[in-house]
């Protein structure tokens, strides 16, 4: 699609405007769904806080380290 910009400083300058592709629809839907979700899972946070305060949180440092490395390698 070609558009002509009409201004004294840029007469007859043509710009190209790309139309959204058909494959953008699923991404748009996913973005909209994410906007409706809370940033923090409050229920999970409450569960973890309770487990920490009771001293029953089972941790595996090696697994935690691996998960963190996998996350930051993305």
PDB file of N, CA and C in Angstrom:
ATOM      1  N   UNK A   1       0.853  -1.159   0.000  1.00  0.00           N
ATOM      2  CA  UNK A   1       0.000   0.000   0.000  1.00  0.00           C
ATOM      3  C   UNK A   1       0.906   1.231   0.000  1.00  0.00           C
ATOM      4  N   UNK A   2       0.681   2.166  -0.904  1.00  0.00           N
ATOM      5  CA  UNK A   2       1.490   3.374  -1.001  1.00  0.00           C
ATOM      6  C   UNK A   2       0.677   4.579  -0.542  1.00  0.00           C
ATOM      7  N   UNK A   3       1.278   5.419   0.277  1.00  0.00           N
ATOM      8  CA  UNK A   3       0.658   6.659   0.727  1.00  0.00           C
ATOM      9  C   UNK A   3       1.532   7.817   0.308  1.00  0.00           C
ATOM     10  N   UNK A   4       0.933   8.886  -0.130  1.00  0.00           N
ATOM     11  CA  UNK A   4       1.676  10.085  -0.472  1.00  0.00           C
ATOM     12  C   UNK A   4       1.498  11.090   0.644  1.00  0.00           C
ATOM     13  N   UNK A   5       2.624  11.556   1.191  1.00  0.00           N
ATOM     14  CA  UNK A   5       2.595  12.557   2.252  1.00  0.00           C
ATOM     15  C   UNK A   5       2.539  13.917   1.593  1.00  0.00           C
ATOM     16  N   UNK A   6       1.559  14.723   1.950  1.00  0.00           N
ATOM     17  CA  UNK A   6       1.407  16.046   1.353  1.00  0.00           C
ATOM     18  C   UNK A   6       1.714  17.098   2.405  1.00  0.00           C
ATOM     19  N   UNK A   7       2.911  17.620   2.357  1.00  0.00           N
ATOM     20  CA  UNK A   7       3.305  18.709   3.241  1.00  0.00           C
ATOM     21  C   UNK A   7       4.326  19.543   2.495  1.00  0.00           C
ATOM     22  N   UNK A   8       4.478  20.800   2.876  1.00  0.00           N
ATOM     23  CA  UNK A   8       5.455  21.651   2.178  1.00  0.00           C
ATOM     24  C   UNK A   8       6.873  21.086   2.253  1.00  0.00           C
ATOM     25  N   UNK A   9       7.229  20.453   3.348  1.00  0.00           N
ATOM     26  CA  UNK A   9       8.591  19.956   3.520  1.00  0.00           C
ATOM     27  C   UNK A   9       8.825  18.632   2.815  1.00  0.00           C
ATOM     28  N   UNK A  10       7.777  17.913   2.523  1.00  0.00           N
ATOM     29  CA  UNK A  10       7.958  16.585   1.941  1.00  0.00           C
ATOM     30  C   UNK A  10       6.944  16.326   0.849  1.00  0.00           C
ATOM     31  N   UNK A  11       6.997  17.115  -0.195  1.00  0.00           N
ATOM     32  CA  UNK A  11       6.067  16.943  -1.306  1.00  0.00           C
ATOM     33  C   UNK A  11       6.412  15.677  -2.082  1.00  0.00           C
ATOM     34  N   UNK A  12       5.375  14.945  -2.439  1.00  0.00           N
ATOM     35  CA  UNK A  12       5.495  13.749  -3.266  1.00  0.00           C
ATOM     36  C   UNK A  12       6.382  12.652  -2.671  1.00  0.00           C
ATOM     37  N   UNK A  13       6.522  12.622  -1.355  1.00  0.00           N
ATOM     38  CA  UNK A  13       7.279  11.550  -0.719  1.00  0.00           C
ATOM     39  C   UNK A  13       6.320  10.393  -0.481  1.00  0.00           C
ATOM     40  N   UNK A  14       6.716   9.214  -0.927  1.00  0.00           N
ATOM     41  CA  UNK A  14       5.853   8.050  -0.773  1.00  0.00           C
ATOM     42  C   UNK A  14       6.405   7.167   0.337  1.00  0.00           C
ATOM     43  N   UNK A  15       5.484   6.671   1.152  1.00  0.00           N
ATOM     44  CA  UNK A  15       5.871   5.759   2.215  1.00  0.00           C
ATOM     45  C   UNK A  15       5.115   4.456   2.033  1.00  0.00           C
ATOM     46  N   UNK A  16       5.668   3.409   2.551  1.00  0.00           N
ATOM     47  CA  UNK A  16       5.048   2.102   2.463  1.00  0.00           C
ATOM     48  C   UNK A  16       4.483   1.739   3.825  1.00  0.00           C
ATOM     49  N   UNK A  17       3.233   1.328   3.849  1.00  0.00           N
ATOM     50  CA  UNK A  17       2.579   0.928   5.084  1.00  0.00           C
ATOM     51  C   UNK A  17       2.189  -0.542   4.929  1.00  0.00           C
ATOM     52  N   UNK A  18       2.739  -1.375   5.798  1.00  0.00           N
ATOM     53  CA  UNK A  18       2.445  -2.809   5.718  1.00  0.00           C
ATOM     54  C   UNK A  18       1.126  -3.109   6.404  1.00  0.00           C
ATOM     55  N   UNK A  19       0.305  -3.893   5.746  1.00  0.00           N
ATOM     56  CA  UNK A  19      -0.949  -4.329   6.338  1.00  0.00           C
ATOM     57  C   UNK A  19      -0.652  -5.490   7.288  1.00  0.00           C
ATOM     58  N   UNK A  20      -1.393  -5.591   8.386  1.00  0.00           N
ATOM     59  CA  UNK A  20      -1.159  -6.703   9.306  1.00  0.00           C
ATOM     60  C   UNK A  20      -1.387  -8.037   8.606  1.00  0.00           C
ATOM     61  N   UNK A  21      -0.544  -8.992   8.911  1.00  0.00           N
ATOM     62  CA  UNK A  21      -0.680 -10.295   8.271  1.00  0.00           C
ATOM     63  C   UNK A  21      -1.775 -11.103   8.958  1.00  0.00           C
ATOM     64  N   UNK A  22      -2.209 -12.120   8.284  1.00  0.00           N
ATOM     65  CA  UNK A  22      -3.248 -12.991   8.820  1.00  0.00           C
ATOM     66  C   UNK A  22      -2.740 -13.675  10.091  1.00  0.00           C
ATOM     67  N   UNK A  23      -1.444 -14.000  10.146  1.00  0.00           N
ATOM     68  CA  UNK A  23      -0.892 -14.703  11.301  1.00  0.00           C
ATOM     69  C   UNK A  23      -0.791 -13.814  12.540  1.00  0.00           C
ATOM     70  N   UNK A  24      -1.040 -12.521  12.424  1.00  0.00           N
ATOM     71  CA  UNK A  24      -0.992 -11.625  13.576  1.00  0.00           C
ATOM     72  C   UNK A  24      -2.209 -11.805  14.479  1.00  0.00           C
ATOM     73  N   UNK A  25      -3.280 -12.389  13.970  1.00  0.00           N
ATOM     74  CA  UNK A  25      -4.502 -12.546  14.760  1.00  0.00           C
ATOM     75  C   UNK A  25      -4.291 -13.383  16.021  1.00  0.00           C
ATOM     76  N   UNK A  26      -3.641 -14.564  15.947  1.00  0.00           N
ATOM     77  CA  UNK A  26      -3.438 -15.332  17.186  1.00  0.00           C
ATOM     78  C   UNK A  26      -2.580 -14.597  18.200  1.00  0.00           C
ATOM     79  N   UNK A  27      -1.595 -13.866  17.729  1.00  0.00           N
ATOM     80  CA  UNK A  27      -0.741 -13.093  18.641  1.00  0.00           C
ATOM     81  C   UNK A  27      -1.560 -12.012  19.316  1.00  0.00           C
ATOM     82  N   UNK A  28      -2.383 -11.342  18.555  1.00  0.00           N
ATOM     83  CA  UNK A  28      -3.239 -10.306  19.112  1.00  0.00           C
ATOM     84  C   UNK A  28      -4.188 -10.868  20.156  1.00  0.00           C
ATOM     85  N   UNK A  29      -4.748 -12.034  19.879  1.00  0.00           N
ATOM     86  CA  UNK A  29      -5.653 -12.675  20.832  1.00  0.00           C
ATOM     87  C   UNK A  29      -4.918 -13.058  22.108  1.00  0.00           C
ATOM     88  N   UNK A  30      -3.709 -13.569  21.969  1.00  0.00           N
ATOM     89  CA  UNK A  30      -2.916 -13.948  23.140  1.00  0.00           C
ATOM     90  C   UNK A  30      -2.560 -12.724  23.968  1.00  0.00           C
ATOM     91  N   UNK A  31      -2.187 -11.631  23.300  1.00  0.00           N
ATOM     92  CA  UNK A  31      -1.864 -10.397  24.018  1.00  0.00           C
ATOM     93  C   UNK A  31      -3.076  -9.892  24.790  1.00  0.00           C
ATOM     94  N   UNK A  32      -4.232  -9.955  24.181  1.00  0.00           N
ATOM     95  CA  UNK A  32      -5.450  -9.497  24.851  1.00  0.00           C
ATOM     96  C   UNK A  32      -5.758 -10.379  26.062  1.00  0.00           C
ATOM     97  N   UNK A  33      -5.571 -11.689  25.919  1.00  0.00           N
ATOM     98  CA  UNK A  33      -5.809 -12.600  27.046  1.00  0.00           C
ATOM     99  C   UNK A  33      -4.846 -12.311  28.187  1.00  0.00           C
ATOM    100  N   UNK A  34      -3.591 -12.030  27.857  1.00  0.00           N
ATOM    101  CA  UNK A  34      -2.599 -11.717  28.894  1.00  0.00           C
ATOM    102  C   UNK A  34      -2.930 -10.422  29.623  1.00  0.00           C
ATOM    103  N   UNK A  35      -3.467  -9.459  28.901  1.00  0.00           N
ATOM    104  CA  UNK A  35      -3.835  -8.187  29.542  1.00  0.00           C
ATOM    105  C   UNK A  35      -4.903  -8.392  30.615  1.00  0.00           C
ATOM    106  N   UNK A  36      -5.722  -9.423  30.446  1.00  0.00           N
ATOM    107  CA  UNK A  36      -6.784  -9.698  31.399  1.00  0.00           C
ATOM    108  C   UNK A  36      -6.321 -10.490  32.615  1.00  0.00           C
ATOM    109  N   UNK A  37      -5.088 -10.959  32.582  1.00  0.00           N
ATOM    110  CA  UNK A  37      -4.573 -11.766  33.693  1.00  0.00           C
ATOM    111  C   UNK A  37      -3.793 -10.886  34.663  1.00  0.00           C
ATOM    112  N   UNK A  38      -3.826 -11.234  35.940  1.00  0.00           N
ATOM    113  CA  UNK A  38      -3.022 -10.473  36.899  1.00  0.00           C
ATOM    114  C   UNK A  38      -1.536 -10.755  36.680  1.00  0.00           C
ATOM    115  N   UNK A  39      -0.685  -9.775  37.008  1.00  0.00           N
ATOM    116  CA  UNK A  39       0.752  -9.967  36.851  1.00  0.00           C
ATOM    117  C   UNK A  39       1.296 -10.957  37.870  1.00  0.00           C
ATOM    118  N   UNK A  40       0.619 -11.050  39.010  1.00  0.00           N
ATOM    119  CA  UNK A  40       1.073 -11.921  40.087  1.00  0.00           C
ATOM    120  C   UNK A  40      -0.040 -12.900  40.438  1.00  0.00           C
ATOM    121  N   UNK A  41       0.322 -14.167  40.606  1.00  0.00           N
ATOM    122  CA  UNK A  41      -0.624 -15.187  41.027  1.00  0.00           C
ATOM    123  C   UNK A  41      -0.726 -15.108  42.548  1.00  0.00           C
ATOM    124  N   UNK A  42      -1.649 -14.303  43.022  1.00  0.00           N
ATOM    125  CA  UNK A  42      -1.777 -14.036  44.459  1.00  0.00           C
ATOM    126  C   UNK A  42      -2.021 -15.300  45.272  1.00  0.00           C
ATOM    127  N   UNK A  43      -2.784 -16.218  44.735  1.00  0.00           N
ATOM    128  CA  UNK A  43      -3.055 -17.461  45.462  1.00  0.00           C
ATOM    129  C   UNK A  43      -1.767 -18.265  45.640  1.00  0.00           C
ATOM    130  N   UNK A  44      -0.965 -18.355  44.589  1.00  0.00           N
ATOM    131  CA  UNK A  44       0.299 -19.100  44.675  1.00  0.00           C
ATOM    132  C   UNK A  44       1.261 -18.422  45.647  1.00  0.00           C
ATOM    133  N   UNK A  45       1.306 -17.106  45.637  1.00  0.00           N
ATOM    134  CA  UNK A  45       2.159 -16.360  46.569  1.00  0.00           C
ATOM    135  C   UNK A  45       1.739 -16.654  48.003  1.00  0.00           C
ATOM    136  N   UNK A  46       0.445 -16.661  48.268  1.00  0.00           N
ATOM    137  CA  UNK A  46      -0.061 -16.957  49.610  1.00  0.00           C
ATOM    138  C   UNK A  46       0.319 -18.372  50.039  1.00  0.00           C
ATOM    139  N   UNK A  47       0.214 -19.333  49.118  1.00  0.00           N
ATOM    140  CA  UNK A  47       0.595 -20.710  49.418  1.00  0.00           C
ATOM    141  C   UNK A  47       2.078 -20.811  49.773  1.00  0.00           C
ATOM    142  N   UNK A  48       2.910 -20.146  48.995  1.00  0.00           N
ATOM    143  CA  UNK A  48       4.348 -20.185  49.257  1.00  0.00           C
ATOM    144  C   UNK A  48       4.696 -19.505  50.576  1.00  0.00           C
ATOM    145  N   UNK A  49       4.064 -18.371  50.862  1.00  0.00           N
ATOM    146  CA  UNK A  49       4.306 -17.680  52.139  1.00  0.00           C
ATOM    147  C   UNK A  49       3.940 -18.579  53.315  1.00  0.00           C
ATOM    148  N   UNK A  50       2.812 -19.261  53.198  1.00  0.00           N
ATOM    149  CA  UNK A  50       2.374 -20.159  54.275  1.00  0.00           C
ATOM    150  C   UNK A  50       3.366 -21.306  54.450  1.00  0.00           C
ATOM    151  N   UNK A  51       3.831 -21.883  53.357  1.00  0.00           N
ATOM    152  CA  UNK A  51       4.786 -22.985  53.433  1.00  0.00           C
ATOM    153  C   UNK A  51       6.107 -22.521  54.044  1.00  0.00           C
ATOM    154  N   UNK A  52       6.550 -21.323  53.678  1.00  0.00           N
ATOM    155  CA  UNK A  52       7.793 -20.780  54.240  1.00  0.00           C
ATOM    156  C   UNK A  52       7.639 -20.547  55.736  1.00  0.00           C
ATOM    157  N   UNK A  53       6.524 -19.947  56.135  1.00  0.00           N
ATOM    158  CA  UNK A  53       6.324 -19.649  57.561  1.00  0.00           C
ATOM    159  C   UNK A  53       6.196 -20.919  58.399  1.00  0.00           C
ATOM    160  N   UNK A  54       5.677 -21.999  57.804  1.00  0.00           N
ATOM    161  CA  UNK A  54       5.551 -23.277  58.515  1.00  0.00           C
ATOM    162  C   UNK A  54       6.846 -24.089  58.447  1.00  0.00           C
ATOM    163  N   UNK A  55       7.763 -23.659  57.607  1.00  0.00           N
ATOM    164  CA  UNK A  55       9.020 -24.390  57.447  1.00  0.00           C
ATOM    165  C   UNK A  55       8.880 -25.675  56.670  1.00  0.00           C
ATOM    166  N   UNK A  56       7.869 -25.764  55.837  1.00  0.00           N
ATOM    167  CA  UNK A  56       7.627 -26.996  55.087  1.00  0.00           C
ATOM    168  C   UNK A  56       7.867 -26.851  53.576  1.00  0.00           C
ATOM    169  N   UNK A  57       8.493 -25.774  53.202  1.00  0.00           N
ATOM    170  CA  UNK A  57       8.763 -25.580  51.776  1.00  0.00           C
ATOM    171  C   UNK A  57       9.930 -26.473  51.379  1.00  0.00           C
ATOM    172  N   UNK A  58       9.657 -27.418  50.512  1.00  0.00           N
ATOM    173  CA  UNK A  58      10.686 -28.345  50.059  1.00  0.00           C
ATOM    174  C   UNK A  58      11.436 -27.711  48.903  1.00  0.00           C
ATOM    175  N   UNK A  59      12.720 -27.513  49.077  1.00  0.00           N
ATOM    176  CA  UNK A  59      13.510 -26.891  48.015  1.00  0.00           C
ATOM    177  C   UNK A  59      14.617 -27.825  47.562  1.00  0.00           C
ATOM    178  N   UNK A  60      14.885 -27.763  46.296  1.00  0.00           N
ATOM    179  CA  UNK A  60      15.992 -28.499  45.698  1.00  0.00           C
ATOM    180  C   UNK A  60      16.870 -27.449  45.024  1.00  0.00           C
ATOM    181  N   UNK A  61      17.965 -27.049  45.683  1.00  0.00           N
ATOM    182  CA  UNK A  61      18.798 -25.969  45.142  1.00  0.00           C
ATOM    183  C   UNK A  61      19.283 -26.234  43.717  1.00  0.00           C
ATOM    184  N   UNK A  62      19.632 -27.466  43.385  1.00  0.00           N
ATOM    185  CA  UNK A  62      20.106 -27.770  42.033  1.00  0.00           C
ATOM    186  C   UNK A  62      18.999 -27.564  41.005  1.00  0.00           C
ATOM    187  N   UNK A  63      17.787 -27.988  41.353  1.00  0.00           N
ATOM    188  CA  UNK A  63      16.656 -27.808  40.451  1.00  0.00           C
ATOM    189  C   UNK A  63      16.321 -26.330  40.282  1.00  0.00           C
ATOM    190  N   UNK A  64      16.364 -25.600  41.370  1.00  0.00           N
ATOM    191  CA  UNK A  64      16.097 -24.159  41.321  1.00  0.00           C
ATOM    192  C   UNK A  64      17.129 -23.458  40.443  1.00  0.00           C
ATOM    193  N   UNK A  65      18.403 -23.794  40.631  1.00  0.00           N
ATOM    194  CA  UNK A  65      19.465 -23.183  39.826  1.00  0.00           C
ATOM    195  C   UNK A  65      19.278 -23.495  38.350  1.00  0.00           C
ATOM    196  N   UNK A  66      18.932 -24.750  38.034  1.00  0.00           N
ATOM    197  CA  UNK A  66      18.730 -25.138  36.635  1.00  0.00           C
ATOM    198  C   UNK A  66      17.552 -24.382  36.022  1.00  0.00           C
ATOM    199  N   UNK A  67      16.475 -24.263  36.766  1.00  0.00           N
ATOM    200  CA  UNK A  67      15.303 -23.544  36.281  1.00  0.00           C
ATOM    201  C   UNK A  67      15.640 -22.078  36.013  1.00  0.00           C
ATOM    202  N   UNK A  68      16.404 -21.462  36.915  1.00  0.00           N
ATOM    203  CA  UNK A  68      16.795 -20.063  36.728  1.00  0.00           C
ATOM    204  C   UNK A  68      17.681 -19.908  35.494  1.00  0.00           C
ATOM    205  N   UNK A  69      18.624 -20.827  35.300  1.00  0.00           N
ATOM    206  CA  UNK A  69      19.502 -20.744  34.122  1.00  0.00           C
ATOM    207  C   UNK A  69      18.698 -20.934  32.847  1.00  0.00           C
ATOM    208  N   UNK A  70      17.771 -21.883  32.852  1.00  0.00           N
ATOM    209  CA  UNK A  70      16.931 -22.097  31.662  1.00  0.00           C
ATOM    210  C   UNK A  70      16.117 -20.853  31.337  1.00  0.00           C
ATOM    211  N   UNK A  71      15.581 -20.218  32.372  1.00  0.00           N
ATOM    212  CA  UNK A  71      14.767 -19.019  32.168  1.00  0.00           C
ATOM    213  C   UNK A  71      15.583 -17.893  31.535  1.00  0.00           C
ATOM    214  N   UNK A  72      16.775 -17.668  32.031  1.00  0.00           N
ATOM    215  CA  UNK A  72      17.577 -16.547  31.537  1.00  0.00           C
ATOM    216  C   UNK A  72      18.293 -16.844  30.237  1.00  0.00           C
ATOM    217  N   UNK A  73      18.299 -18.080  29.820  1.00  0.00           N
ATOM    218  CA  UNK A  73      18.893 -18.418  28.514  1.00  0.00           C
ATOM    219  C   UNK A  73      17.931 -18.145  27.365  1.00  0.00           C
ATOM    220  N   UNK A  74      16.666 -17.947  27.658  1.00  0.00           N
ATOM    221  CA  UNK A  74      15.680 -17.695  26.604  1.00  0.00           C
ATOM    222  C   UNK A  74      15.951 -16.432  25.884  1.00  0.00           C
TER     223      UNK A  74
END
